[in-house]
Amino acid sequence: MKPPYYAVIFTSKQTQYVKGYSEMAQIMKSLAKKQPGFIDIESSRSEIGITVSYWETLEAIKNWKENLDHQTAQKLGKEKWYSWYTVRICKVEKEYSFQSS
């Protein structure tokens, strides 16, 4: 990824009701990858879940939020799967990384 680009940081705490969550998460990941402006996604879950998706523009993020299938998943998340969540949108201006050989 070459900056600048945008990161959507989604942190969440699940309820005890998780039936169907993993399947929906996979569907949303596959759908997001097809969206114009999508770059990549990274996710981890233990006590708190953190998913970071990367996008070319703020408009691409807005379009993803308004996607009807994504809105259905958001509704189910609020009704069933999450006790809380926070979304943060950040502009990435610089990045660097390390990888051992």
C-alpha atoms as a PDB file:
ATOM      1  CA  MET A   1       0.000   0.000   0.000  1.00  0.00           C
ATOM      2  CA  LYS A   2       1.334   3.379  -0.897  1.00  0.00           C
ATOM      3  CA  PRO A   3       0.194   6.281   1.304  1.00  0.00           C
ATOM      4  CA  PRO A   4      -1.877   8.266   1.528  1.00  0.00           C
ATOM      5  CA  TYR A   5      -4.883   5.988   2.029  1.00  0.00           C
ATOM      6  CA  TYR A   6      -7.496   5.489   4.739  1.00  0.00           C
ATOM      7  CA  ALA A   7      -7.873   2.951   7.529  1.00  0.00           C
ATOM      8  CA  VAL A   8     -11.204   2.046   9.121  1.00  0.00           C
ATOM      9  CA  ILE A   9     -10.498   0.638  12.570  1.00  0.00           C
ATOM     10  CA  PHE A  10     -13.401  -1.380  13.966  1.00  0.00           C
ATOM     11  CA  THR A  11     -13.016  -2.502  17.586  1.00  0.00           C
ATOM     12  CA  SER A  12     -15.736  -4.544  19.256  1.00  0.00           C
ATOM     13  CA  LYS A  13     -16.801  -6.730  22.153  1.00  0.00           C
ATOM     14  CA  GLN A  14     -19.049  -9.661  21.317  1.00  0.00           C
ATOM     15  CA  THR A  15     -22.082 -10.808  23.228  1.00  0.00           C
ATOM     16  CA  GLN A  16     -22.397 -14.470  24.174  1.00  0.00           C
ATOM     17  CA  TYR A  17     -24.661 -14.998  21.163  1.00  0.00           C
ATOM     18  CA  VAL A  18     -22.275 -15.636  18.260  1.00  0.00           C
ATOM     19  CA  LYS A  19     -24.283 -18.054  16.093  1.00  0.00           C
ATOM     20  CA  GLY A  20     -23.866 -17.026  12.461  1.00  0.00           C
ATOM     21  CA  TYR A  21     -21.222 -14.395  13.226  1.00  0.00           C
ATOM     22  CA  SER A  22     -18.221 -16.148  11.638  1.00  0.00           C
ATOM     23  CA  GLU A  23     -20.154 -16.925   8.482  1.00  0.00           C
ATOM     24  CA  MET A  24     -21.342 -13.319   8.158  1.00  0.00           C
ATOM     25  CA  ALA A  25     -17.815 -12.014   8.808  1.00  0.00           C
ATOM     26  CA  GLN A  26     -16.485 -14.129   5.929  1.00  0.00           C
ATOM     27  CA  ILE A  27     -19.277 -12.952   3.626  1.00  0.00           C
ATOM     28  CA  MET A  28     -18.564  -9.307   4.510  1.00  0.00           C
ATOM     29  CA  LYS A  29     -14.839  -9.776   3.956  1.00  0.00           C
ATOM     30  CA  SER A  30     -15.466 -11.271   0.504  1.00  0.00           C
ATOM     31  CA  LEU A  31     -17.946  -8.535  -0.363  1.00  0.00           C
ATOM     32  CA  ALA A  32     -15.636  -5.745   0.829  1.00  0.00           C
ATOM     33  CA  LYS A  33     -12.854  -7.071  -1.412  1.00  0.00           C
ATOM     34  CA  LYS A  34     -15.141  -6.494  -4.422  1.00  0.00           C
ATOM     35  CA  GLN A  35     -15.884  -2.867  -3.535  1.00  0.00           C
ATOM     36  CA  PRO A  36     -14.265  -0.103  -5.601  1.00  0.00           C
ATOM     37  CA  GLY A  37     -11.494   1.533  -3.576  1.00  0.00           C
ATOM     38  CA  PHE A  38     -10.884  -1.462  -1.284  1.00  0.00           C
ATOM     39  CA  ILE A  39      -7.216  -2.154  -0.583  1.00  0.00           C
ATOM     40  CA  ASP A  40      -6.886  -4.791   2.165  1.00  0.00           C
ATOM     41  CA  ILE A  41      -8.227  -6.044   5.502  1.00  0.00           C
ATOM     42  CA  GLU A  42      -6.639  -7.385   8.705  1.00  0.00           C
ATOM     43  CA  SER A  43      -8.477  -8.853  11.666  1.00  0.00           C
ATOM     44  CA  SER A  44      -7.875 -10.376  15.095  1.00  0.00           C
ATOM     45  CA  ARG A  45     -10.242 -11.473  17.839  1.00  0.00           C
ATOM     46  CA  SER A  46      -9.666 -12.480  21.443  1.00  0.00           C
ATOM     47  CA  GLU A  47     -11.351 -10.565  24.274  1.00  0.00           C
ATOM     48  CA  ILE A  48     -11.767  -7.600  21.945  1.00  0.00           C
ATOM     49  CA  GLY A  49     -12.024  -7.853  18.177  1.00  0.00           C
ATOM     50  CA  ILE A  50     -10.047  -5.516  15.957  1.00  0.00           C
ATOM     51  CA  THR A  51     -10.593  -5.316  12.223  1.00  0.00           C
ATOM     52  CA  VAL A  52      -8.784  -2.762  10.108  1.00  0.00           C
ATOM     53  CA  SER A  53      -9.844  -2.266   6.517  1.00  0.00           C
ATOM     54  CA  TYR A  54      -7.893  -0.061   4.131  1.00  0.00           C
ATOM     55  CA  TRP A  55      -9.449   2.135   1.453  1.00  0.00           C
ATOM     56  CA  GLU A  56      -8.289   4.496  -1.283  1.00  0.00           C
ATOM     57  CA  THR A  57     -10.760   7.297  -0.473  1.00  0.00           C
ATOM     58  CA  LEU A  58     -13.314   8.506   2.040  1.00  0.00           C
ATOM     59  CA  GLU A  59     -15.957   8.101  -0.659  1.00  0.00           C
ATOM     60  CA  ALA A  60     -15.086   4.391  -0.983  1.00  0.00           C
ATOM     61  CA  ILE A  61     -15.580   4.032   2.789  1.00  0.00           C
ATOM     62  CA  LYS A  62     -18.926   5.840   2.595  1.00  0.00           C
ATOM     63  CA  ASN A  63     -20.067   3.583  -0.249  1.00  0.00           C
ATOM     64  CA  TRP A  64     -19.095   0.480   1.745  1.00  0.00           C
ATOM     65  CA  LYS A  65     -21.019   1.716   4.797  1.00  0.00           C
ATOM     66  CA  GLU A  66     -24.081   2.270   2.582  1.00  0.00           C
ATOM     67  CA  ASN A  67     -23.874  -1.157   0.891  1.00  0.00           C
ATOM     68  CA  LEU A  68     -27.226  -2.889   1.552  1.00  0.00           C
ATOM     69  CA  ASP A  69     -25.712  -6.264   2.477  1.00  0.00           C
ATOM     70  CA  HIS A  70     -23.273  -4.507   4.804  1.00  0.00           C
ATOM     71  CA  GLN A  71     -26.173  -2.596   6.385  1.00  0.00           C
ATOM     72  CA  THR A  72     -27.921  -5.920   7.075  1.00  0.00           C
ATOM     73  CA  ALA A  73     -24.780  -7.211   8.790  1.00  0.00           C
ATOM     74  CA  GLN A  74     -24.502  -3.970  10.801  1.00  0.00           C
ATOM     75  CA  LYS A  75     -28.110  -4.356  11.962  1.00  0.00           C
ATOM     76  CA  LEU A  76     -27.528  -7.970  13.049  1.00  0.00           C
ATOM     77  CA  GLY A  77     -24.353  -6.895  14.827  1.00  0.00           C
ATOM     78  CA  LYS A  78     -26.267  -4.327  16.879  1.00  0.00           C
ATOM     79  CA  GLU A  79     -29.153  -6.702  17.589  1.00  0.00           C
ATOM     80  CA  LYS A  80     -27.210  -9.894  18.343  1.00  0.00           C
ATOM     81  CA  TRP A  81     -23.441 -10.022  18.130  1.00  0.00           C
ATOM     82  CA  TYR A  82     -21.944  -6.912  19.749  1.00  0.00           C
ATOM     83  CA  SER A  83     -22.263  -5.510  23.252  1.00  0.00           C
ATOM     84  CA  TRP A  84     -20.349  -2.475  21.926  1.00  0.00           C
ATOM     85  CA  TYR A  85     -18.232  -1.329  19.029  1.00  0.00           C
ATOM     86  CA  THR A  86     -16.267   1.718  17.934  1.00  0.00           C
ATOM     87  CA  VAL A  87     -15.356   2.790  14.416  1.00  0.00           C
ATOM     88  CA  ARG A  88     -12.425   5.107  13.761  1.00  0.00           C
ATOM     89  CA  ILE A  89     -11.454   6.413  10.329  1.00  0.00           C
ATOM     90  CA  CYS A  90      -7.877   7.603   9.898  1.00  0.00           C
ATOM     91  CA  LYS A  91      -5.780   8.916   7.042  1.00  0.00           C
ATOM     92  CA  VAL A  92      -2.534   6.974   6.722  1.00  0.00           C
ATOM     93  CA  GLU A  93       0.223   9.299   5.594  1.00  0.00           C
ATOM     94  CA  LYS A  94       3.229   7.106   6.262  1.00  0.00           C
ATOM     95  CA  GLU A  95       3.892   3.418   6.782  1.00  0.00           C
ATOM     96  CA  TYR A  96       6.852   1.165   7.352  1.00  0.00           C
ATOM     97  CA  SER A  97       7.247  -2.461   8.325  1.00  0.00           C
ATOM     98  CA  PHE A  98       9.660  -5.198   9.350  1.00  0.00           C
ATOM     99  CA  GLN A  99       9.770  -8.848   8.321  1.00  0.00           C
ATOM    100  CA  SER A 100      12.373 -11.314   9.519  1.00  0.00           C
ATOM    101  CA  SER A 101      13.856 -13.596   6.911  1.00  0.00           C
END
